[in-house]
Structures are given as structure tokens and as C-alpha cells.
Amino acid sequence: MGKFPYFTEEHEAVREIARGAAEEFKKTAVEADRNHDYNIIKKNLKRLAELNLIGIHVPTEYGGEGLDLVGHFVALEEIAKGCLSTAFSFNTQRLAMDAIRLGGSDEQKKKYLIPACAGSIVSFATTEPEAGSDVAAIKTTAVKNGDKWVINGTKHYITNGVFADAHVLVAKTSPEDAQRPEFTAFVVEGDNPGVKISKVENKMGATASPTTEYFLENCKVSDDAVLGKVGAGMPLALSALEIARIGIGTQGLGLMQVALEQAIA
């Protein structure tokens, strides 16, 4: 057992692996943030995949380690101590993977989670210029046209968007005059010609973790891109976000520990 009863020997083993990775990432953390070098963060994410930390809570049949979410947060806390930008991108990768894990079909989980556990990068997008915390204000639309969905809109402040191999996003699928709007989640391939990367934001901190704006311009996807049920995208997104919020606090915990250690050194 660890120091606390809710940490098992497995959790402590994860902590040691993540602590070693954090020491690696610490060597390039200042350089990465100073130069806004998100390629270093991309490389770090690949390294976390090599260490089997990216999909630590994903079932083994989908490429993960089959541990619990505590295992992810233990690893995230340690990574935040070494490189906050990597921790940002790490937690967002897990957010996107959770949306697929919670809402995806067996086929979708195999298609996206197995590569993601091995280092393929997935972004998650609800935020838009007019829809931040109020996700119900999403303006991006997805309209069924024959056998295709046509998606149009703008996604803003999207972590990992610039180098993502796939994008999980939410769009409005109800008519404009609907009394109650409905939203649907989609998984869109990163090389879809309808995805237009606009810019990477110049942030005050964690600058090496790319916060991206991208446009969806007549982005066409098939029914197999629908994540979960049509019209059920909002509950799915919120369920994944609830888990991600714990990750934000976990990163803060790691930072506070480093600040305390430096203050008393």
C-alpha cells in the first residue's frame, strides 16, 4: 500500500514511471515554452505512449492498461511537476479518448483508442468564439445531406488541435427553429480537407502546449463518424469534461508541490 489507503501498489508503480518521465521532460520544458515549440510536446506525448501511460485507464482490449482513473491522475500529477505544457496536452488527450471510450462503438474504440494509446493524438473541441463555459451556445452545425454530414463552424482554444490525427467535436444537429437544440458528437480525421487550421494562440503560460483555432468548411463525414447517438452529443461531452476537470486540479497540485519545494529549499 502507498501512504494513503486509496493508492495501491500499482498506483505507486505508475508514480515512479511518471516521475522518471517528468525528469526527462524537465530538461526541455523551459526551451519548449520559451520557443513555443509544440513539437517537443508532441515528442513527449509519444514518450508517454511508449511508457504505457497515455492509455493507462483504457481497457486492455482497446490498447490500454486497464487501470482506474486514479492511475491517470497519479501520472498527470507527476508530469505537471516536470513540464506543465506536456501535462496540459496529456490531460486533453485523455479527455478526447474518454469521449470515445464513453460514447464510441466497439469499432470506433478499436479504430481510435488503440492508435491513441500507441501515440496517435486526438483533440477535443466544444469551445467556440461565442461558446466557452456555456457549451449550449455552440454555433457549429452539422447537416445531413444524402449519406454525408456537412459540418461548418469554428472551434477555438483547442488544445493539441494543430497536430491532432483526429478531432472529437460537438456540433448542433437540430434545425434553427427547434425549441430545444440538439447536439451530436463526431470524430473527424485530422487530414479531412474540410478542417482548416487557422492559428496557434500566443498564451501567457504553458506556451508549448498548442492552443489552436480551426475552421470547419463544408467538412464532410459519414455516419460512422457519429460518436454515440445523434442528438446525444452534449451529455457525452459533459461526461468527459467532468473527468477532465479533475485533471486540471491535479495539475495544480503538482505545481503547488514544486513551488513549495523550491520555496523551502
Protein backbone atom coordinates (compact mmCIF):
# COMPACT_ATOMS: atom_id res chain seq x y z
CA MET A 1 0.00 0.00 0.00
CA GLY A 2 1.06 3.60 -0.51
CA LYS A 3 0.98 6.37 2.05
CA PHE A 4 -2.77 6.78 1.63
CA PRO A 5 -5.29 3.92 1.53
CA TYR A 6 -6.65 4.89 -1.89
CA PHE A 7 -3.25 4.46 -3.55
CA THR A 8 -2.37 0.87 -4.34
CA GLU A 9 1.00 -0.64 -5.16
CA GLU A 10 0.03 -0.34 -8.83
CA HIS A 11 -0.57 3.39 -8.40
CA GLU A 12 2.82 3.83 -6.75
CA ALA A 13 4.47 1.92 -9.60
CA VAL A 14 2.77 4.29 -12.05
CA ARG A 15 4.00 7.24 -10.00
CA GLU A 16 7.60 6.07 -10.25
CA ILE A 17 7.39 5.64 -14.03
CA ALA A 18 5.75 9.06 -14.45
CA ARG A 19 8.29 10.67 -12.12
CA GLY A 20 11.07 9.38 -14.33
CA ALA A 21 9.33 10.77 -17.42
CA ALA A 22 8.86 14.13 -15.69
CA GLU A 23 12.60 14.30 -15.04
CA GLU A 24 13.18 13.71 -18.76
CA PHE A 25 10.68 16.39 -19.77
CA LYS A 26 12.06 18.90 -17.26
CA LYS A 27 15.27 19.12 -19.31
CA THR A 28 13.46 20.67 -22.28
CA ALA A 29 10.50 22.35 -20.53
CA VAL A 30 11.98 25.86 -20.44
CA GLU A 31 13.17 25.63 -24.02
CA ALA A 32 9.79 24.36 -25.18
CA ASP A 33 7.85 27.18 -23.53
CA ARG A 34 10.34 29.90 -24.46
CA ASN A 35 10.23 28.92 -28.13
CA HIS A 36 6.57 27.86 -28.18
CA ASP A 37 7.93 24.58 -29.50
CA TYR A 38 4.95 22.23 -29.55
CA ASN A 39 6.99 19.65 -31.41
CA ILE A 40 8.74 18.96 -28.11
CA ILE A 41 5.33 18.36 -26.51
CA LYS A 42 4.33 16.07 -29.37
CA LYS A 43 7.54 14.12 -28.79
CA ASN A 44 6.78 13.95 -25.05
CA LEU A 45 3.31 12.56 -25.74
CA LYS A 46 4.88 9.84 -27.87
CA ARG A 47 7.23 9.07 -24.98
CA LEU A 48 4.28 8.75 -22.58
CA ALA A 49 2.74 6.28 -25.02
CA GLU A 50 5.98 4.27 -25.04
CA LEU A 51 5.76 4.12 -21.24
CA ASN A 52 2.13 2.91 -21.47
CA LEU A 53 0.88 5.99 -19.61
CA ILE A 54 -1.32 7.56 -22.31
CA GLY A 55 -3.99 4.87 -22.14
CA ILE A 56 -3.44 3.82 -18.56
CA HIS A 57 -7.19 3.73 -17.76
CA VAL A 58 -8.33 2.43 -21.16
CA PRO A 59 -9.47 -1.23 -21.25
CA THR A 60 -6.81 -3.63 -22.48
CA GLU A 61 -8.90 -4.71 -25.47
CA TYR A 62 -8.58 -1.16 -26.78
CA GLY A 63 -4.84 -0.88 -26.26
CA GLY A 64 -4.73 0.43 -22.70
CA GLU A 65 -3.51 -0.86 -19.36
CA GLY A 66 -6.95 -1.36 -17.81
CA LEU A 67 -6.21 0.55 -14.60
CA ASP A 68 -8.53 3.08 -12.98
CA LEU A 69 -8.67 6.84 -13.45
CA VAL A 70 -6.68 7.33 -10.24
CA GLY A 71 -3.74 5.86 -12.13
CA HIS A 72 -4.06 8.56 -14.80
CA PHE A 73 -4.24 11.34 -12.23
CA VAL A 74 -1.23 9.99 -10.33
CA ALA A 75 0.76 10.08 -13.58
CA LEU A 76 -0.59 13.52 -14.50
CA GLU A 77 0.41 15.00 -11.14
CA GLU A 78 4.00 13.88 -11.65
CA ILE A 79 4.18 15.06 -15.27
CA ALA A 80 2.94 18.52 -14.21
CA LYS A 81 5.92 18.79 -11.87
CA GLY A 82 8.32 18.40 -14.78
CA CYS A 83 6.57 20.15 -17.68
CA LEU A 84 3.17 21.82 -17.38
CA SER A 85 2.77 22.13 -21.15
CA THR A 86 3.12 18.38 -21.50
CA ALA A 87 0.63 17.86 -18.68
CA PHE A 88 -1.88 20.15 -20.44
CA SER A 89 -1.65 18.17 -23.65
CA PHE A 90 -1.61 14.84 -21.80
CA ASN A 91 -4.83 15.61 -19.95
CA THR A 92 -6.56 16.81 -23.12
CA GLN A 93 -5.52 13.66 -24.95
CA ARG A 94 -7.22 11.69 -22.19
CA LEU A 95 -10.30 13.93 -22.44
CA ALA A 96 -10.73 13.14 -26.14
CA MET A 97 -10.05 9.46 -25.52
CA ASP A 98 -12.66 9.43 -22.74
CA ALA A 99 -15.29 10.83 -25.10
CA ILE A 100 -14.56 7.92 -27.44
CA ARG A 101 -14.37 5.45 -24.56
CA LEU A 102 -17.72 6.58 -23.15
CA GLY A 103 -19.67 7.07 -26.37
CA GLY A 104 -17.95 5.17 -29.15
CA SER A 105 -18.99 1.92 -30.74
CA ASP A 106 -16.72 -1.10 -30.44
CA GLU A 107 -15.48 -0.40 -33.97
CA GLN A 108 -14.74 3.26 -33.16
CA LYS A 109 -12.90 2.34 -29.98
CA LYS A 110 -10.70 -0.07 -31.88
CA LYS A 111 -10.14 2.43 -34.68
CA TYR A 112 -9.18 5.37 -32.47
CA LEU A 113 -8.27 4.22 -28.96
CA ILE A 114 -5.72 1.57 -29.94
CA PRO A 115 -3.69 4.07 -32.03
CA ALA A 116 -4.18 6.79 -29.38
CA CYS A 117 -2.73 4.55 -26.68
CA ALA A 118 0.23 4.00 -29.01
CA GLY A 119 0.84 7.71 -29.57
CA SER A 120 -1.69 8.94 -32.14
CA ILE A 121 -3.03 12.31 -30.98
CA VAL A 122 -6.72 13.23 -30.61
CA SER A 123 -8.10 16.68 -29.82
CA PHE A 124 -11.41 17.59 -28.18
CA ALA A 125 -13.49 20.59 -29.25
CA THR A 126 -16.54 22.18 -27.74
CA THR A 127 -15.20 25.72 -27.25
CA GLU A 128 -16.03 28.35 -29.88
CA PRO A 129 -15.69 32.15 -30.09
CA GLU A 130 -19.19 32.50 -28.60
CA ALA A 131 -19.32 29.26 -26.61
CA GLY A 132 -16.90 28.75 -23.74
CA SER A 133 -18.27 27.52 -20.43
CA ASP A 134 -21.76 27.81 -21.94
CA VAL A 135 -21.33 24.87 -24.30
CA ALA A 136 -25.01 25.03 -25.24
CA ALA A 137 -24.17 28.22 -27.16
CA ILE A 138 -22.31 26.19 -29.80
CA LYS A 139 -22.87 27.61 -33.31
CA THR A 140 -21.10 24.92 -35.35
CA THR A 141 -23.68 22.97 -37.35
CA ALA A 142 -23.79 19.50 -38.87
CA VAL A 143 -26.45 18.99 -41.52
CA LYS A 144 -27.27 15.63 -43.09
CA ASN A 145 -27.02 15.77 -46.87
CA GLY A 146 -27.60 12.39 -48.50
CA ASP A 147 -25.22 9.90 -46.94
CA LYS A 148 -22.91 12.62 -45.54
CA TRP A 149 -22.91 15.04 -42.65
CA VAL A 150 -21.69 18.52 -43.64
CA ILE A 151 -20.09 20.40 -40.75
CA ASN A 152 -19.50 24.15 -40.69
CA GLY A 153 -18.24 26.39 -37.91
CA THR A 154 -15.26 27.50 -35.85
CA LYS A 155 -13.54 25.78 -32.93
CA HIS A 156 -11.45 27.96 -30.64
CA TYR A 157 -8.85 27.35 -27.88
CA ILE A 158 -8.47 23.69 -28.83
CA THR A 159 -5.51 22.01 -27.15
CA ASN A 160 -3.45 19.77 -29.48
CA GLY A 161 -5.57 20.79 -32.47
CA VAL A 162 -2.65 21.75 -34.70
CA PHE A 163 -1.04 18.31 -34.60
CA ALA A 164 -4.03 16.07 -33.93
CA ASP A 165 -4.51 12.94 -36.02
CA ALA A 166 -8.24 13.09 -35.24
CA HIS A 167 -10.63 15.61 -33.72
CA VAL A 168 -13.55 14.87 -31.40
CA LEU A 169 -16.00 17.75 -31.79
CA VAL A 170 -19.59 18.67 -31.00
CA ALA A 171 -21.96 20.34 -33.47
CA LYS A 172 -25.60 21.41 -33.46
CA THR A 173 -27.72 18.96 -35.44
CA SER A 174 -31.21 20.33 -34.77
CA PRO A 175 -32.98 22.83 -37.07
CA GLU A 176 -32.54 26.53 -36.32
CA ASP A 177 -36.20 26.86 -35.28
CA ALA A 178 -36.11 23.87 -32.89
CA GLN A 179 -37.48 24.68 -29.44
CA ARG A 180 -34.79 22.58 -27.84
CA PRO A 181 -31.41 22.42 -29.61
CA GLU A 182 -29.74 19.06 -30.06
CA PHE A 183 -26.04 18.42 -30.41
CA THR A 184 -24.12 15.46 -31.79
CA ALA A 185 -20.51 14.41 -31.28
CA PHE A 186 -18.31 13.45 -34.22
CA VAL A 187 -14.82 12.09 -34.77
CA VAL A 188 -13.21 13.82 -37.73
CA GLU A 189 -9.92 12.71 -39.26
CA GLY A 190 -7.12 15.24 -39.00
CA ASP A 191 -6.46 15.13 -42.74
CA ASN A 192 -10.09 15.83 -43.67
CA PRO A 193 -9.91 18.65 -46.26
CA GLY A 194 -12.77 20.43 -44.51
CA VAL A 195 -10.64 21.05 -41.39
CA LYS A 196 -8.69 24.29 -41.79
CA ILE A 197 -6.13 25.08 -39.09
CA SER A 198 -6.19 28.85 -38.50
CA LYS A 199 -3.65 29.67 -35.79
CA VAL A 200 -1.98 28.66 -32.56
CA GLU A 201 -2.70 31.11 -29.74
CA ASN A 202 0.10 33.08 -28.02
CA LYS A 203 -0.69 32.31 -24.37
CA MET A 204 0.83 33.68 -21.15
CA GLY A 205 1.81 30.26 -19.82
CA ALA A 206 2.15 26.61 -20.86
CA THR A 207 3.01 28.09 -24.24
CA ALA A 208 4.40 24.88 -25.73
CA SER A 209 1.03 23.14 -25.45
CA PRO A 210 -0.63 24.28 -28.68
CA THR A 211 -3.99 26.02 -28.20
CA THR A 212 -5.48 26.05 -31.67
CA GLU A 213 -8.24 27.69 -33.65
CA TYR A 214 -9.59 25.81 -36.65
CA PHE A 215 -12.40 26.23 -39.12
CA LEU A 216 -14.77 23.59 -40.43
CA GLU A 217 -15.67 24.46 -44.01
CA ASN A 218 -18.10 22.04 -45.64
CA CYS A 219 -16.37 19.28 -43.71
CA LYS A 220 -17.98 16.05 -44.93
CA VAL A 221 -18.12 12.90 -42.81
CA SER A 222 -20.10 9.67 -42.96
CA ASP A 223 -22.42 8.18 -40.35
CA ASP A 224 -19.52 6.16 -38.96
CA ALA A 225 -18.05 9.46 -37.71
CA VAL A 226 -21.01 9.99 -35.35
CA LEU A 227 -19.88 9.37 -31.79
CA GLY A 228 -22.73 7.92 -29.75
CA LYS A 229 -26.29 8.69 -30.76
CA VAL A 230 -27.42 11.58 -32.93
CA GLY A 231 -28.66 14.31 -30.58
CA ALA A 232 -26.83 12.91 -27.54
CA GLY A 233 -23.56 14.77 -28.00
CA MET A 234 -23.98 17.24 -25.16
CA PRO A 235 -24.37 14.70 -22.32
CA LEU A 236 -21.42 12.77 -23.75
CA ALA A 237 -19.21 15.86 -23.92
CA LEU A 238 -20.14 16.94 -20.40
CA SER A 239 -19.45 13.46 -19.01
CA ALA A 240 -15.95 13.53 -20.49
CA LEU A 241 -15.37 17.10 -19.32
CA GLU A 242 -16.34 16.22 -15.75
CA ILE A 243 -13.39 13.83 -15.61
CA ALA A 244 -11.07 16.35 -17.27
CA ARG A 245 -11.81 18.97 -14.61
CA ILE A 246 -10.28 16.68 -12.00
CA GLY A 247 -7.19 16.66 -14.18
CA ILE A 248 -6.98 20.47 -14.03
CA GLY A 249 -6.92 20.32 -10.24
CA THR A 250 -4.37 17.52 -10.35
CA GLN A 251 -2.00 19.63 -12.44
CA GLY A 252 -2.39 22.46 -9.92
CA LEU A 253 -1.49 20.04 -7.14
CA GLY A 254 1.71 19.06 -8.92
CA LEU A 255 2.64 22.71 -9.48
CA MET A 256 2.00 23.61 -5.84
CA GLN A 257 4.26 20.82 -4.66
CA VAL A 258 7.09 22.07 -6.85
CA ALA A 259 6.54 25.68 -5.69
CA LEU A 260 6.60 24.59 -2.05
CA GLU A 261 9.76 22.55 -2.52
CA GLN A 262 11.51 25.48 -4.20
CA ALA A 263 10.30 27.94 -1.55
CA ILE A 264 11.75 25.95 1.35
CA ALA A 265 14.92 24.77 -0.42
